[in-house]
Amino acid sequence: MTHKIIQPDGWLPAKGYANGVLTRDGVLHIGGQIGWTAEQRFESHDFVGQMRQALHNIRAIVEAAGGTVEDVTRLTWFVTDKREYLARQPEVGAAYREVFGRHFPAMSMVVVAGLIEDEALVEIEATAHLR
């Protein structure tokens, strides 16, 4: 087998995609995570709340694969409202550090017109290299 599907315990199954794919050489590709819970429910309709949840989801996938957030090497953010992201930088930074600590991988941000889930305000995908 060249790869292993990573699905955290207790999460509803992803439909039509994998939350994580771990390759034989230890590269973990994490599909775009939005601000919903393991039960695929939005508990927050706020940008910062959804961002925090998306980062928690990434952390859960990395840990399910046997890694830590320090193994994350890349994040790509897709946001629907550039102005809100910029206006809330102090809250964004605090929420980020709450989940990822002071680990800052390579990052890109793309502003998009919308996401597949209508309630989603942010989607974040990641790559990790597990030791």
N, C-alpha and C. Protein backbone atom coordinates (compact mmCIF):
# COMPACT_ATOMS: atom_id res chain seq x y z
N MET A 1 0.85 -1.19 0.00
CA MET A 1 0.00 0.00 0.00
C MET A 1 0.89 1.25 0.00
N THR A 2 0.54 2.20 -0.82
CA THR A 2 1.36 3.41 -0.93
C THR A 2 0.90 4.51 0.00
N HIS A 3 -0.32 4.40 0.55
CA HIS A 3 -0.80 5.45 1.45
C HIS A 3 -1.87 4.89 2.39
N LYS A 4 -2.15 5.67 3.44
CA LYS A 4 -3.13 5.27 4.45
C LYS A 4 -4.10 6.43 4.65
N ILE A 5 -5.39 6.15 4.67
CA ILE A 5 -6.40 7.17 4.92
C ILE A 5 -6.44 7.44 6.43
N ILE A 6 -6.43 8.70 6.79
CA ILE A 6 -6.46 9.11 8.20
C ILE A 6 -7.83 9.72 8.50
N GLN A 7 -8.51 9.14 9.48
CA GLN A 7 -9.83 9.60 9.90
C GLN A 7 -9.85 9.57 11.42
N PRO A 8 -9.89 10.71 12.09
CA PRO A 8 -9.92 10.71 13.56
C PRO A 8 -11.11 9.91 14.10
N ASP A 9 -10.89 9.22 15.21
CA ASP A 9 -11.95 8.46 15.87
C ASP A 9 -13.12 9.37 16.22
N GLY A 10 -14.31 8.87 15.99
CA GLY A 10 -15.51 9.60 16.37
C GLY A 10 -16.00 10.62 15.35
N TRP A 11 -15.25 10.84 14.29
CA TRP A 11 -15.68 11.80 13.27
C TRP A 11 -16.66 11.13 12.31
N LEU A 12 -17.66 11.88 11.88
CA LEU A 12 -18.51 11.39 10.80
C LEU A 12 -17.63 11.22 9.56
N PRO A 13 -17.93 10.24 8.73
CA PRO A 13 -17.09 10.03 7.55
C PRO A 13 -17.17 11.18 6.56
N ALA A 14 -16.04 11.47 5.95
CA ALA A 14 -16.00 12.46 4.87
C ALA A 14 -16.69 11.85 3.65
N LYS A 15 -17.41 12.66 2.91
CA LYS A 15 -18.14 12.17 1.74
C LYS A 15 -17.45 12.63 0.47
N GLY A 16 -16.85 11.68 -0.25
CA GLY A 16 -16.23 11.98 -1.52
C GLY A 16 -14.80 12.46 -1.43
N TYR A 17 -14.21 12.43 -0.24
CA TYR A 17 -12.82 12.85 -0.06
C TYR A 17 -12.28 12.22 1.22
N ALA A 18 -11.00 12.36 1.45
CA ALA A 18 -10.37 11.89 2.69
C ALA A 18 -9.96 13.11 3.50
N ASN A 19 -10.15 13.04 4.80
CA ASN A 19 -9.66 14.12 5.66
C ASN A 19 -8.14 14.16 5.67
N GLY A 20 -7.52 13.00 5.64
CA GLY A 20 -6.06 12.95 5.60
C GLY A 20 -5.58 11.75 4.84
N VAL A 21 -4.46 11.90 4.15
CA VAL A 21 -3.81 10.80 3.44
C VAL A 21 -2.34 10.82 3.82
N LEU A 22 -1.90 9.73 4.44
CA LEU A 22 -0.50 9.59 4.87
C LEU A 22 0.23 8.70 3.88
N THR A 23 1.28 9.24 3.28
CA THR A 23 2.07 8.46 2.33
C THR A 23 3.11 7.63 3.07
N ARG A 24 3.64 6.65 2.38
CA ARG A 24 4.63 5.74 2.98
C ARG A 24 5.87 6.50 3.48
N ASP A 25 6.19 7.63 2.84
CA ASP A 25 7.38 8.38 3.26
C ASP A 25 7.09 9.41 4.35
N GLY A 26 5.88 9.35 4.94
CA GLY A 26 5.58 10.19 6.09
C GLY A 26 4.99 11.55 5.79
N VAL A 27 4.60 11.80 4.54
CA VAL A 27 3.95 13.06 4.21
C VAL A 27 2.45 12.89 4.44
N LEU A 28 1.89 13.79 5.23
CA LEU A 28 0.47 13.78 5.53
C LEU A 28 -0.19 14.94 4.79
N HIS A 29 -1.08 14.61 3.89
CA HIS A 29 -1.85 15.62 3.14
C HIS A 29 -3.21 15.72 3.82
N ILE A 30 -3.55 16.91 4.28
CA ILE A 30 -4.81 17.13 4.99
C ILE A 30 -5.73 17.94 4.09
N GLY A 31 -6.88 17.35 3.80
CA GLY A 31 -7.87 18.01 2.97
C GLY A 31 -8.39 19.27 3.66
N GLY A 32 -8.95 20.17 2.89
CA GLY A 32 -9.45 21.42 3.44
C GLY A 32 -10.41 21.21 4.60
N GLN A 33 -10.09 21.84 5.72
CA GLN A 33 -10.91 21.74 6.92
C GLN A 33 -11.66 23.04 7.13
N ILE A 34 -12.95 22.91 7.40
CA ILE A 34 -13.77 24.07 7.65
C ILE A 34 -14.13 24.12 9.13
N GLY A 35 -14.89 25.12 9.51
CA GLY A 35 -15.18 25.35 10.92
C GLY A 35 -16.32 24.55 11.49
N TRP A 36 -16.45 23.29 11.08
CA TRP A 36 -17.46 22.45 11.72
C TRP A 36 -16.81 21.40 12.59
N THR A 37 -17.62 20.79 13.44
CA THR A 37 -17.15 19.82 14.42
C THR A 37 -17.03 18.43 13.79
N ALA A 38 -16.60 17.46 14.59
CA ALA A 38 -16.51 16.07 14.15
C ALA A 38 -17.86 15.53 13.70
N GLU A 39 -18.94 16.15 14.20
CA GLU A 39 -20.30 15.76 13.81
C GLU A 39 -20.79 16.55 12.60
N GLN A 40 -19.90 17.33 12.00
CA GLN A 40 -20.19 18.15 10.83
C GLN A 40 -21.29 19.18 11.11
N ARG A 41 -21.17 19.80 12.30
CA ARG A 41 -22.08 20.88 12.70
C ARG A 41 -21.28 22.15 12.96
N PHE A 42 -21.81 23.26 12.52
CA PHE A 42 -21.20 24.55 12.80
C PHE A 42 -21.68 25.02 14.17
N GLU A 43 -20.76 25.14 15.10
CA GLU A 43 -21.10 25.69 16.41
C GLU A 43 -20.87 27.19 16.44
N SER A 44 -20.12 27.70 15.46
CA SER A 44 -19.83 29.12 15.37
C SER A 44 -20.19 29.61 13.97
N HIS A 45 -20.76 30.80 13.91
CA HIS A 45 -21.04 31.44 12.62
C HIS A 45 -20.18 32.69 12.49
N ASP A 46 -19.08 32.70 13.25
CA ASP A 46 -18.14 33.79 13.36
C ASP A 46 -16.82 33.36 12.72
N PHE A 47 -16.16 34.27 12.02
CA PHE A 47 -14.91 33.94 11.34
C PHE A 47 -13.87 33.35 12.29
N VAL A 48 -13.60 34.01 13.40
CA VAL A 48 -12.55 33.55 14.31
C VAL A 48 -12.93 32.19 14.92
N GLY A 49 -14.20 32.02 15.29
CA GLY A 49 -14.64 30.74 15.83
C GLY A 49 -14.48 29.61 14.82
N GLN A 50 -14.83 29.87 13.58
CA GLN A 50 -14.67 28.84 12.55
C GLN A 50 -13.20 28.57 12.25
N MET A 51 -12.38 29.61 12.26
CA MET A 51 -10.95 29.43 12.03
C MET A 51 -10.34 28.55 13.12
N ARG A 52 -10.71 28.85 14.36
CA ARG A 52 -10.21 28.06 15.50
C ARG A 52 -10.61 26.59 15.34
N GLN A 53 -11.87 26.34 14.98
CA GLN A 53 -12.34 24.96 14.81
C GLN A 53 -11.61 24.27 13.66
N ALA A 54 -11.40 24.96 12.54
CA ALA A 54 -10.68 24.37 11.41
C ALA A 54 -9.27 23.97 11.83
N LEU A 55 -8.60 24.83 12.62
CA LEU A 55 -7.25 24.49 13.11
C LEU A 55 -7.30 23.32 14.08
N HIS A 56 -8.32 23.27 14.94
CA HIS A 56 -8.48 22.10 15.82
C HIS A 56 -8.66 20.83 14.99
N ASN A 57 -9.42 20.93 13.90
CA ASN A 57 -9.63 19.77 13.03
C ASN A 57 -8.32 19.31 12.42
N ILE A 58 -7.50 20.24 11.96
CA ILE A 58 -6.19 19.89 11.41
C ILE A 58 -5.35 19.21 12.47
N ARG A 59 -5.34 19.78 13.66
CA ARG A 59 -4.58 19.18 14.76
C ARG A 59 -5.04 17.75 15.04
N ALA A 60 -6.35 17.52 15.05
CA ALA A 60 -6.89 16.18 15.31
C ALA A 60 -6.44 15.19 14.24
N ILE A 61 -6.40 15.60 12.99
CA ILE A 61 -5.98 14.72 11.91
C ILE A 61 -4.49 14.40 12.04
N VAL A 62 -3.68 15.42 12.31
CA VAL A 62 -2.24 15.19 12.49
C VAL A 62 -2.00 14.23 13.65
N GLU A 63 -2.70 14.44 14.75
CA GLU A 63 -2.52 13.57 15.92
C GLU A 63 -3.03 12.16 15.65
N ALA A 64 -4.11 12.02 14.87
CA ALA A 64 -4.61 10.69 14.51
C ALA A 64 -3.59 9.92 13.68
N ALA A 65 -2.75 10.65 12.95
CA ALA A 65 -1.71 10.02 12.13
C ALA A 65 -0.43 9.77 12.94
N GLY A 66 -0.42 10.19 14.21
CA GLY A 66 0.76 9.97 15.05
C GLY A 66 1.70 11.15 15.12
N GLY A 67 1.29 12.31 14.64
CA GLY A 67 2.16 13.49 14.65
C GLY A 67 1.70 14.53 15.64
N THR A 68 2.33 15.70 15.54
CA THR A 68 1.99 16.86 16.36
C THR A 68 1.90 18.07 15.44
N VAL A 69 1.37 19.18 15.96
CA VAL A 69 1.27 20.38 15.11
C VAL A 69 2.63 20.85 14.64
N GLU A 70 3.68 20.53 15.38
CA GLU A 70 5.02 20.94 14.95
C GLU A 70 5.45 20.23 13.66
N ASP A 71 4.74 19.17 13.28
CA ASP A 71 5.03 18.46 12.03
C ASP A 71 4.39 19.13 10.81
N VAL A 72 3.48 20.08 11.05
CA VAL A 72 2.81 20.77 9.94
C VAL A 72 3.82 21.71 9.28
N THR A 73 3.96 21.58 7.97
CA THR A 73 4.94 22.39 7.24
C THR A 73 4.30 23.43 6.33
N ARG A 74 2.98 23.27 6.05
CA ARG A 74 2.31 24.20 5.13
C ARG A 74 0.84 24.29 5.48
N LEU A 75 0.31 25.51 5.41
CA LEU A 75 -1.13 25.76 5.54
C LEU A 75 -1.56 26.64 4.38
N THR A 76 -2.66 26.30 3.75
CA THR A 76 -3.25 27.17 2.74
C THR A 76 -4.65 27.52 3.22
N TRP A 77 -4.89 28.81 3.37
CA TRP A 77 -6.16 29.33 3.88
C TRP A 77 -6.98 29.86 2.71
N PHE A 78 -8.27 29.55 2.74
CA PHE A 78 -9.24 30.10 1.79
C PHE A 78 -10.26 30.86 2.63
N VAL A 79 -10.35 32.16 2.45
CA VAL A 79 -11.26 32.98 3.25
C VAL A 79 -12.25 33.70 2.33
N THR A 80 -13.45 33.89 2.84
CA THR A 80 -14.49 34.53 2.04
C THR A 80 -14.57 36.04 2.27
N ASP A 81 -13.88 36.54 3.31
CA ASP A 81 -13.97 37.97 3.62
C ASP A 81 -12.60 38.49 4.07
N LYS A 82 -11.88 39.07 3.13
CA LYS A 82 -10.54 39.61 3.41
C LYS A 82 -10.60 40.70 4.47
N ARG A 83 -11.59 41.56 4.40
CA ARG A 83 -11.67 42.68 5.35
C ARG A 83 -11.84 42.19 6.79
N GLU A 84 -12.70 41.19 6.98
CA GLU A 84 -12.89 40.67 8.33
C GLU A 84 -11.60 40.04 8.85
N TYR A 85 -10.92 39.27 8.01
CA TYR A 85 -9.65 38.67 8.41
C TYR A 85 -8.66 39.75 8.85
N LEU A 86 -8.52 40.79 8.06
CA LEU A 86 -7.57 41.86 8.38
C LEU A 86 -8.00 42.65 9.62
N ALA A 87 -9.28 42.92 9.76
CA ALA A 87 -9.78 43.71 10.89
C ALA A 87 -9.66 42.97 12.21
N ARG A 88 -9.58 41.66 12.17
CA ARG A 88 -9.59 40.87 13.40
C ARG A 88 -8.24 40.20 13.68
N GLN A 89 -7.17 40.78 13.17
CA GLN A 89 -5.85 40.19 13.33
C GLN A 89 -5.48 39.82 14.77
N PRO A 90 -5.72 40.68 15.77
CA PRO A 90 -5.36 40.27 17.13
C PRO A 90 -6.10 39.00 17.58
N GLU A 91 -7.39 38.89 17.25
CA GLU A 91 -8.16 37.70 17.61
C GLU A 91 -7.71 36.49 16.81
N VAL A 92 -7.41 36.70 15.53
CA VAL A 92 -6.92 35.60 14.68
C VAL A 92 -5.62 35.06 15.26
N GLY A 93 -4.70 35.95 15.60
CA GLY A 93 -3.42 35.53 16.16
C GLY A 93 -3.58 34.78 17.48
N ALA A 94 -4.45 35.27 18.35
CA ALA A 94 -4.67 34.61 19.65
C ALA A 94 -5.27 33.22 19.45
N ALA A 95 -6.25 33.10 18.56
CA ALA A 95 -6.87 31.79 18.30
C ALA A 95 -5.87 30.83 17.67
N TYR A 96 -5.05 31.34 16.75
CA TYR A 96 -4.03 30.50 16.11
C TYR A 96 -3.07 29.94 17.17
N ARG A 97 -2.55 30.82 18.03
CA ARG A 97 -1.59 30.39 19.05
C ARG A 97 -2.22 29.45 20.07
N GLU A 98 -3.52 29.61 20.31
CA GLU A 98 -4.23 28.71 21.22
C GLU A 98 -4.16 27.26 20.72
N VAL A 99 -4.23 27.08 19.40
CA VAL A 99 -4.27 25.73 18.82
C VAL A 99 -2.89 25.26 18.37
N PHE A 100 -2.10 26.13 17.74
CA PHE A 100 -0.82 25.74 17.15
C PHE A 100 0.38 26.24 17.94
N GLY A 101 0.15 26.97 19.00
CA GLY A 101 1.27 27.50 19.77
C GLY A 101 2.05 28.50 18.95
N ARG A 102 3.35 28.47 19.09
CA ARG A 102 4.20 29.41 18.36
C ARG A 102 4.87 28.72 17.16
N HIS A 103 4.19 27.74 16.61
CA HIS A 103 4.66 27.03 15.41
C HIS A 103 4.03 27.69 14.18
N PHE A 104 4.87 28.21 13.29
CA PHE A 104 4.40 28.94 12.13
C PHE A 104 4.95 28.32 10.85
N PRO A 105 4.20 27.41 10.23
CA PRO A 105 4.64 26.81 8.96
C PRO A 105 4.50 27.81 7.81
N ALA A 106 4.95 27.40 6.64
CA ALA A 106 4.74 28.21 5.44
C ALA A 106 3.24 28.33 5.23
N MET A 107 2.78 29.55 4.89
CA MET A 107 1.35 29.76 4.73
C MET A 107 1.06 30.57 3.49
N SER A 108 -0.10 30.29 2.92
CA SER A 108 -0.67 31.09 1.84
C SER A 108 -2.11 31.38 2.19
N MET A 109 -2.62 32.50 1.69
CA MET A 109 -4.02 32.83 1.90
C MET A 109 -4.61 33.25 0.56
N VAL A 110 -5.79 32.72 0.28
CA VAL A 110 -6.50 33.03 -0.95
C VAL A 110 -7.89 33.52 -0.57
N VAL A 111 -8.30 34.63 -1.16
CA VAL A 111 -9.66 35.13 -0.94
C VAL A 111 -10.54 34.53 -2.03
N VAL A 112 -11.65 33.92 -1.60
CA VAL A 112 -12.54 33.23 -2.54
C VAL A 112 -13.95 33.81 -2.45
N ALA A 113 -14.72 33.62 -3.49
CA ALA A 113 -16.10 34.12 -3.53
C ALA A 113 -17.01 33.32 -2.62
N GLY A 114 -16.69 32.06 -2.39
CA GLY A 114 -17.51 31.21 -1.55
C GLY A 114 -16.88 29.85 -1.40
N LEU A 115 -17.43 29.07 -0.46
CA LEU A 115 -16.97 27.71 -0.22
C LEU A 115 -18.15 26.77 -0.42
N ILE A 116 -17.89 25.49 -0.59
CA ILE A 116 -18.94 24.52 -0.89
C ILE A 116 -20.02 24.49 0.19
N GLU A 117 -19.61 24.50 1.46
CA GLU A 117 -20.60 24.58 2.54
C GLU A 117 -20.96 26.05 2.73
N ASP A 118 -22.21 26.37 2.53
CA ASP A 118 -22.65 27.77 2.55
C ASP A 118 -22.32 28.50 3.85
N GLU A 119 -22.33 27.81 4.98
CA GLU A 119 -22.06 28.44 6.27
C GLU A 119 -20.56 28.68 6.51
N ALA A 120 -19.71 28.03 5.73
CA ALA A 120 -18.26 28.11 5.95
C ALA A 120 -17.72 29.48 5.55
N LEU A 121 -16.91 30.05 6.44
CA LEU A 121 -16.27 31.34 6.20
C LEU A 121 -14.78 31.19 5.91
N VAL A 122 -14.22 30.03 6.24
CA VAL A 122 -12.80 29.76 6.05
C VAL A 122 -12.61 28.26 5.84
N GLU A 123 -11.65 27.91 5.00
CA GLU A 123 -11.23 26.53 4.81
C GLU A 123 -9.71 26.53 4.83
N ILE A 124 -9.12 25.57 5.51
CA ILE A 124 -7.67 25.52 5.63
C ILE A 124 -7.21 24.11 5.29
N GLU A 125 -6.28 24.00 4.35
CA GLU A 125 -5.67 22.71 4.08
C GLU A 125 -4.24 22.72 4.56
N ALA A 126 -3.67 21.55 4.78
CA ALA A 126 -2.35 21.48 5.38
C ALA A 126 -1.54 20.31 4.83
N THR A 127 -0.24 20.43 5.00
CA THR A 127 0.69 19.33 4.74
C THR A 127 1.57 19.21 5.97
N ALA A 128 1.81 17.96 6.38
CA ALA A 128 2.70 17.70 7.51
C ALA A 128 3.70 16.63 7.10
N HIS A 129 4.86 16.68 7.72
CA HIS A 129 5.90 15.68 7.49
C HIS A 129 6.15 15.01 8.83
N LEU A 130 5.67 13.76 8.95
CA LEU A 130 5.78 13.07 10.23
C LEU A 130 7.15 12.44 10.38
N ARG A 131 7.64 12.49 11.57
CA ARG A 131 8.99 11.99 11.87
C ARG A 131 9.01 10.48 11.97
